[in-house]
Amino acid sequence: MTTIVEVVPYNPRWPRAFEEERCRLLAMLAPVDVIDLIEHIGSTAVPGLAAKPVLDILLGVSNPAILDVSREEPWNPELDKAIEPAGHPLHVQLVRALARLGYVYRGEASVQGRLFFRKDSGLARTHHIHVALVGGEFWKDHLLFRDYLRAHPDWAKAYGELKRKMAMEHGHSRLAYTDAKDPLIQELMSRAQAWRDRGQI
């Protein structure tokens, strides 16, 4: 059985790797002038948390037209090839700029209102980029989840332990691994929302 989900101990080099990629992104995207904010999200953004060794990067835009995929063919996972961008000129420019940095465009990849890109090095996936509307649901939820785990190391540890266990049990399938984590993620999101609503963020 081929293992495609690997969870490793926290690597203190991940924040620097994010900063290095952020600088590359800023340099490449400056002529396009569509990105308002760049954030490090996901498990590699939480100190001490075990994670898949893949950097998740959130690019924030303020123009919803950049996220419009209505004129594109949806991503077909069976073909596993990049989607050709179409639509608003800024959308097309953004996709092509990221492609020049080695990112493969996957459209919304089943998450409405988010553009998804991945980058590989050899056979291993190294980076994900998520493009979302600043202040939108995707943007707020992912930053809240990150910030809650940063502020609650005991829950981060529990989440890391679950991920290691699920990677051992479901390492052959990204979908099965993700589904197995979902109940705890939902609980953590509920706790994070209550934490935010109490004004503790």
C-alpha atoms as a PDB file:
ATOM      1  CA  MET A   1       0.000   0.000   0.000  1.00  0.00           C
ATOM      2  CA  THR A   2       1.405   3.423  -0.998  1.00  0.00           C
ATOM      3  CA  THR A   3       1.447   6.053   1.734  1.00  0.00           C
ATOM      4  CA  ILE A   4       0.427   9.455   0.394  1.00  0.00           C
ATOM      5  CA  VAL A   5      -0.313  11.196   3.726  1.00  0.00           C
ATOM      6  CA  GLU A   6       2.713  11.810   5.927  1.00  0.00           C
ATOM      7  CA  VAL A   7       2.523  13.654   9.241  1.00  0.00           C
ATOM      8  CA  VAL A   8       5.845  14.751  10.717  1.00  0.00           C
ATOM      9  CA  PRO A   9       6.904  16.545  13.919  1.00  0.00           C
ATOM     10  CA  TYR A  10       6.831  20.333  13.877  1.00  0.00           C
ATOM     11  CA  ASN A  11       9.774  21.813  12.005  1.00  0.00           C
ATOM     12  CA  PRO A  12      10.988  25.183  13.353  1.00  0.00           C
ATOM     13  CA  ARG A  13      12.186  26.040   9.834  1.00  0.00           C
ATOM     14  CA  TRP A  14       8.603  26.239   8.520  1.00  0.00           C
ATOM     15  CA  PRO A  15       8.042  29.923   9.458  1.00  0.00           C
ATOM     16  CA  ARG A  16      11.218  30.919   7.622  1.00  0.00           C
ATOM     17  CA  ALA A  17      10.227  28.800   4.626  1.00  0.00           C
ATOM     18  CA  PHE A  18       6.915  30.660   4.567  1.00  0.00           C
ATOM     19  CA  GLU A  19       8.662  34.048   4.699  1.00  0.00           C
ATOM     20  CA  GLU A  20      10.941  33.046   1.837  1.00  0.00           C
ATOM     21  CA  GLU A  21       7.985  31.967  -0.283  1.00  0.00           C
ATOM     22  CA  ARG A  22       6.048  35.093   0.683  1.00  0.00           C
ATOM     23  CA  CYS A  23       8.889  37.233  -0.665  1.00  0.00           C
ATOM     24  CA  ARG A  24       8.918  35.265  -3.920  1.00  0.00           C
ATOM     25  CA  LEU A  25       5.160  35.677  -4.231  1.00  0.00           C
ATOM     26  CA  LEU A  26       5.307  39.414  -3.574  1.00  0.00           C
ATOM     27  CA  ALA A  27       8.014  39.857  -6.200  1.00  0.00           C
ATOM     28  CA  MET A  28       6.117  37.839  -8.804  1.00  0.00           C
ATOM     29  CA  LEU A  29       2.684  39.301  -8.056  1.00  0.00           C
ATOM     30  CA  ALA A  30       3.700  42.957  -7.699  1.00  0.00           C
ATOM     31  CA  PRO A  31       3.067  43.733 -11.396  1.00  0.00           C
ATOM     32  CA  VAL A  32      -0.366  42.105 -11.195  1.00  0.00           C
ATOM     33  CA  ASP A  33      -1.292  44.166  -8.096  1.00  0.00           C
ATOM     34  CA  VAL A  34      -4.212  41.993  -6.950  1.00  0.00           C
ATOM     35  CA  ILE A  35      -3.060  40.639  -3.575  1.00  0.00           C
ATOM     36  CA  ASP A  36      -3.874  42.591  -0.414  1.00  0.00           C
ATOM     37  CA  LEU A  37      -2.571  40.211   2.282  1.00  0.00           C
ATOM     38  CA  ILE A  38      -0.539  37.010   2.553  1.00  0.00           C
ATOM     39  CA  GLU A  39      -0.961  34.742   5.600  1.00  0.00           C
ATOM     40  CA  HIS A  40       0.602  31.489   6.762  1.00  0.00           C
ATOM     41  CA  ILE A  41      -2.219  29.067   7.654  1.00  0.00           C
ATOM     42  CA  GLY A  42      -2.656  25.372   8.302  1.00  0.00           C
ATOM     43  CA  SER A  43      -0.769  23.209  10.746  1.00  0.00           C
ATOM     44  CA  THR A  44       2.706  24.371   9.692  1.00  0.00           C
ATOM     45  CA  ALA A  45       1.685  27.823  10.966  1.00  0.00           C
ATOM     46  CA  VAL A  46       1.139  26.578  14.545  1.00  0.00           C
ATOM     47  CA  PRO A  47       4.311  26.220  16.638  1.00  0.00           C
ATOM     48  CA  GLY A  48       4.783  22.696  17.964  1.00  0.00           C
ATOM     49  CA  LEU A  49       2.003  21.141  15.888  1.00  0.00           C
ATOM     50  CA  ALA A  50       2.696  17.973  13.914  1.00  0.00           C
ATOM     51  CA  ALA A  51       1.799  18.451  10.275  1.00  0.00           C
ATOM     52  CA  LYS A  52       2.080  17.258   6.731  1.00  0.00           C
ATOM     53  CA  PRO A  53       5.275  18.920   5.442  1.00  0.00           C
ATOM     54  CA  VAL A  54       3.300  21.183   3.097  1.00  0.00           C
ATOM     55  CA  LEU A  55       3.120  24.961   3.557  1.00  0.00           C
ATOM     56  CA  ASP A  56      -0.405  26.377   3.296  1.00  0.00           C
ATOM     57  CA  ILE A  57      -0.451  29.997   2.160  1.00  0.00           C
ATOM     58  CA  LEU A  58      -3.536  32.213   2.090  1.00  0.00           C
ATOM     59  CA  LEU A  59      -3.611  35.055  -0.437  1.00  0.00           C
ATOM     60  CA  GLY A  60      -6.254  37.694   0.267  1.00  0.00           C
ATOM     61  CA  VAL A  61      -7.936  39.670  -2.500  1.00  0.00           C
ATOM     62  CA  SER A  62     -10.563  42.395  -2.323  1.00  0.00           C
ATOM     63  CA  ASN A  63     -11.968  42.067  -5.859  1.00  0.00           C
ATOM     64  CA  PRO A  64     -14.489  39.163  -6.100  1.00  0.00           C
ATOM     65  CA  ALA A  65     -14.006  39.029  -9.892  1.00  0.00           C
ATOM     66  CA  ILE A  66     -10.576  37.494  -9.303  1.00  0.00           C
ATOM     67  CA  LEU A  67     -12.316  34.441  -7.813  1.00  0.00           C
ATOM     68  CA  ASP A  68     -14.805  33.982 -10.673  1.00  0.00           C
ATOM     69  CA  VAL A  69     -14.312  30.558 -12.283  1.00  0.00           C
ATOM     70  CA  SER A  70     -17.609  30.472 -14.203  1.00  0.00           C
ATOM     71  CA  ARG A  71     -15.878  30.516 -17.593  1.00  0.00           C
ATOM     72  CA  GLU A  72     -13.449  27.704 -16.819  1.00  0.00           C
ATOM     73  CA  GLU A  73     -13.680  23.958 -17.080  1.00  0.00           C
ATOM     74  CA  PRO A  74     -13.876  22.449 -13.563  1.00  0.00           C
ATOM     75  CA  TRP A  75     -10.865  20.525 -12.348  1.00  0.00           C
ATOM     76  CA  ASN A  76     -10.943  16.831 -13.195  1.00  0.00           C
ATOM     77  CA  PRO A  77      -8.885  14.864 -10.626  1.00  0.00           C
ATOM     78  CA  GLU A  78      -8.713  11.887 -12.984  1.00  0.00           C
ATOM     79  CA  LEU A  79      -6.820  13.923 -15.574  1.00  0.00           C
ATOM     80  CA  ASP A  80      -4.625  15.653 -12.969  1.00  0.00           C
ATOM     81  CA  LYS A  81      -3.629  18.573 -15.141  1.00  0.00           C
ATOM     82  CA  ALA A  82      -3.726  22.311 -14.661  1.00  0.00           C
ATOM     83  CA  ILE A  83      -6.851  24.265 -15.541  1.00  0.00           C
ATOM     84  CA  GLU A  84      -6.497  26.915 -18.248  1.00  0.00           C
ATOM     85  CA  PRO A  85      -7.591  30.230 -16.684  1.00  0.00           C
ATOM     86  CA  ALA A  86     -10.409  32.228 -18.253  1.00  0.00           C
ATOM     87  CA  GLY A  87     -12.521  35.198 -17.266  1.00  0.00           C
ATOM     88  CA  HIS A  88     -11.528  38.497 -15.677  1.00  0.00           C
ATOM     89  CA  PRO A  89      -8.070  39.691 -16.834  1.00  0.00           C
ATOM     90  CA  LEU A  90      -6.822  39.987 -13.241  1.00  0.00           C
ATOM     91  CA  HIS A  91      -7.852  36.386 -12.571  1.00  0.00           C
ATOM     92  CA  VAL A  92      -5.960  35.190 -15.634  1.00  0.00           C
ATOM     93  CA  GLN A  93      -2.895  37.277 -14.731  1.00  0.00           C
ATOM     94  CA  LEU A  94      -2.857  35.912 -11.182  1.00  0.00           C
ATOM     95  CA  VAL A  95      -3.050  32.283 -12.320  1.00  0.00           C
ATOM     96  CA  ARG A  96      -0.305  32.764 -14.897  1.00  0.00           C
ATOM     97  CA  ALA A  97       1.947  34.596 -12.438  1.00  0.00           C
ATOM     98  CA  LEU A  98       1.662  31.751  -9.925  1.00  0.00           C
ATOM     99  CA  ALA A  99       2.306  29.226 -12.687  1.00  0.00           C
ATOM    100  CA  ARG A 100       5.639  30.941 -13.327  1.00  0.00           C
ATOM    101  CA  LEU A 101       6.564  30.088  -9.724  1.00  0.00           C
ATOM    102  CA  GLY A 102       5.739  26.428 -10.329  1.00  0.00           C
ATOM    103  CA  TYR A 103       2.180  26.375  -8.990  1.00  0.00           C
ATOM    104  CA  VAL A 104      -0.459  24.233 -10.693  1.00  0.00           C
ATOM    105  CA  TYR A 105      -3.943  25.730 -10.819  1.00  0.00           C
ATOM    106  CA  ARG A 106      -6.875  23.556  -9.690  1.00  0.00           C
ATOM    107  CA  GLY A 107      -9.764  26.055  -9.844  1.00  0.00           C
ATOM    108  CA  GLU A 108     -12.003  25.978  -6.781  1.00  0.00           C
ATOM    109  CA  ALA A 109     -11.194  22.296  -6.132  1.00  0.00           C
ATOM    110  CA  SER A 110     -14.640  21.738  -4.577  1.00  0.00           C
ATOM    111  CA  VAL A 111     -14.507  24.769  -2.263  1.00  0.00           C
ATOM    112  CA  GLN A 112     -16.688  27.587  -3.565  1.00  0.00           C
ATOM    113  CA  GLY A 113     -15.154  31.043  -3.380  1.00  0.00           C
ATOM    114  CA  ARG A 114     -11.553  29.837  -3.116  1.00  0.00           C
ATOM    115  CA  LEU A 115      -8.896  29.329  -5.786  1.00  0.00           C
ATOM    116  CA  PHE A 116      -6.486  26.472  -5.125  1.00  0.00           C
ATOM    117  CA  PHE A 117      -2.917  25.958  -6.331  1.00  0.00           C
ATOM    118  CA  ARG A 118      -0.309  23.334  -5.482  1.00  0.00           C
ATOM    119  CA  LYS A 119       3.421  23.071  -5.995  1.00  0.00           C
ATOM    120  CA  ASP A 120       5.516  19.920  -5.979  1.00  0.00           C
ATOM    121  CA  SER A 121       9.219  19.224  -5.715  1.00  0.00           C
ATOM    122  CA  GLY A 122      10.031  15.931  -7.362  1.00  0.00           C
ATOM    123  CA  LEU A 123       7.384  13.489  -6.164  1.00  0.00           C
ATOM    124  CA  ALA A 124       6.501  15.394  -2.986  1.00  0.00           C
ATOM    125  CA  ARG A 125       3.949  18.168  -2.579  1.00  0.00           C
ATOM    126  CA  THR A 126       5.533  21.200  -0.906  1.00  0.00           C
ATOM    127  CA  HIS A 127       3.115  24.155  -1.056  1.00  0.00           C
ATOM    128  CA  HIS A 128      -0.581  24.948  -1.271  1.00  0.00           C
ATOM    129  CA  ILE A 129      -1.940  28.376  -2.119  1.00  0.00           C
ATOM    130  CA  HIS A 130      -5.514  29.345  -1.318  1.00  0.00           C
ATOM    131  CA  VAL A 131      -6.818  32.609  -2.791  1.00  0.00           C
ATOM    132  CA  ALA A 132      -9.850  34.007  -0.994  1.00  0.00           C
ATOM    133  CA  LEU A 133     -11.735  37.225  -0.361  1.00  0.00           C
ATOM    134  CA  VAL A 134     -10.346  39.187   2.595  1.00  0.00           C
ATOM    135  CA  GLY A 135     -13.016  39.124   5.299  1.00  0.00           C
ATOM    136  CA  GLY A 136     -14.951  36.323   3.597  1.00  0.00           C
ATOM    137  CA  GLU A 137     -15.936  33.082   5.306  1.00  0.00           C
ATOM    138  CA  PHE A 138     -12.953  31.059   4.070  1.00  0.00           C
ATOM    139  CA  TRP A 139     -10.545  33.824   5.098  1.00  0.00           C
ATOM    140  CA  LYS A 140     -12.006  34.318   8.583  1.00  0.00           C
ATOM    141  CA  ASP A 141     -12.420  30.616   9.397  1.00  0.00           C
ATOM    142  CA  HIS A 142      -8.869  29.643   8.494  1.00  0.00           C
ATOM    143  CA  LEU A 143      -7.277  32.488  10.407  1.00  0.00           C
ATOM    144  CA  LEU A 144      -9.509  31.816  13.416  1.00  0.00           C
ATOM    145  CA  PHE A 145      -8.612  28.105  13.442  1.00  0.00           C
ATOM    146  CA  ARG A 146      -4.907  28.926  13.252  1.00  0.00           C
ATOM    147  CA  ASP A 147      -5.076  31.572  15.961  1.00  0.00           C
ATOM    148  CA  TYR A 148      -7.089  29.373  18.305  1.00  0.00           C
ATOM    149  CA  LEU A 149      -4.539  26.555  18.071  1.00  0.00           C
ATOM    150  CA  ARG A 150      -1.673  29.001  18.575  1.00  0.00           C
ATOM    151  CA  ALA A 151      -3.353  30.241  21.751  1.00  0.00           C
ATOM    152  CA  HIS A 152      -4.313  26.769  23.036  1.00  0.00           C
ATOM    153  CA  PRO A 153      -1.284  24.431  22.890  1.00  0.00           C
ATOM    154  CA  ASP A 154      -3.121  21.595  24.673  1.00  0.00           C
ATOM    155  CA  TRP A 155      -5.718  21.458  21.889  1.00  0.00           C
ATOM    156  CA  ALA A 156      -2.974  21.792  19.289  1.00  0.00           C
ATOM    157  CA  LYS A 157      -1.243  18.783  20.869  1.00  0.00           C
ATOM    158  CA  ALA A 158      -4.476  16.754  20.822  1.00  0.00           C
ATOM    159  CA  TYR A 159      -5.030  17.675  17.188  1.00  0.00           C
ATOM    160  CA  GLY A 160      -1.465  16.685  16.298  1.00  0.00           C
ATOM    161  CA  GLU A 161      -1.832  13.339  18.039  1.00  0.00           C
ATOM    162  CA  LEU A 162      -5.034  12.636  16.125  1.00  0.00           C
ATOM    163  CA  LYS A 163      -3.370  13.540  12.841  1.00  0.00           C
ATOM    164  CA  ARG A 164      -0.466  11.191  13.477  1.00  0.00           C
ATOM    165  CA  LYS A 165      -2.871   8.380  14.317  1.00  0.00           C
ATOM    166  CA  MET A 166      -5.083   9.018  11.296  1.00  0.00           C
ATOM    167  CA  ALA A 167      -2.050   9.191   8.998  1.00  0.00           C
ATOM    168  CA  MET A 168      -1.029   5.723  10.176  1.00  0.00           C
ATOM    169  CA  GLU A 169      -4.546   4.353   9.696  1.00  0.00           C
ATOM    170  CA  HIS A 170      -5.510   6.216   6.510  1.00  0.00           C
ATOM    171  CA  GLY A 171      -2.189   7.203   4.965  1.00  0.00           C
ATOM    172  CA  HIS A 172      -3.205   5.617   1.663  1.00  0.00           C
ATOM    173  CA  SER A 173      -6.057   8.080   1.091  1.00  0.00           C
ATOM    174  CA  ARG A 174      -6.140  11.866   1.514  1.00  0.00           C
ATOM    175  CA  LEU A 175      -9.935  11.764   1.532  1.00  0.00           C
ATOM    176  CA  ALA A 176     -10.143   9.119   4.271  1.00  0.00           C
ATOM    177  CA  TYR A 177      -7.522  10.971   6.317  1.00  0.00           C
ATOM    178  CA  THR A 178      -9.421  14.250   6.003  1.00  0.00           C
ATOM    179  CA  ASP A 179     -12.766  12.667   6.859  1.00  0.00           C
ATOM    180  CA  ALA A 180     -11.303  11.004   9.954  1.00  0.00           C
ATOM    181  CA  LYS A 181     -10.120  14.379  11.289  1.00  0.00           C
ATOM    182  CA  ASP A 182     -13.397  16.178  10.654  1.00  0.00           C
ATOM    183  CA  PRO A 183     -15.191  15.570  13.999  1.00  0.00           C
ATOM    184  CA  LEU A 184     -12.320  17.077  15.990  1.00  0.00           C
ATOM    185  CA  ILE A 185     -11.957  19.951  13.530  1.00  0.00           C
ATOM    186  CA  GLN A 186     -15.649  20.764  13.952  1.00  0.00           C
ATOM    187  CA  GLU A 187     -15.281  20.716  17.730  1.00  0.00           C
ATOM    188  CA  LEU A 188     -12.229  22.964  17.550  1.00  0.00           C
ATOM    189  CA  MET A 189     -14.036  25.397  15.246  1.00  0.00           C
ATOM    190  CA  SER A 190     -16.947  25.595  17.688  1.00  0.00           C
ATOM    191  CA  ARG A 191     -14.537  26.302  20.522  1.00  0.00           C
ATOM    192  CA  ALA A 192     -12.692  28.860  18.417  1.00  0.00           C
ATOM    193  CA  GLN A 193     -15.907  30.685  17.528  1.00  0.00           C
ATOM    194  CA  ALA A 194     -16.948  30.813  21.187  1.00  0.00           C
ATOM    195  CA  TRP A 195     -13.460  32.093  22.067  1.00  0.00           C
ATOM    196  CA  ARG A 196     -13.793  34.824  19.444  1.00  0.00           C
ATOM    197  CA  ASP A 197     -17.314  35.728  20.566  1.00  0.00           C
ATOM    198  CA  ARG A 198     -16.077  36.172  24.139  1.00  0.00           C
ATOM    199  CA  GLY A 199     -13.635  38.734  22.803  1.00  0.00           C
ATOM    200  CA  GLN A 200     -10.602  36.666  23.728  1.00  0.00           C
ATOM    201  CA  ILE A 201      -9.031  36.867  20.288  1.00  0.00           C
END
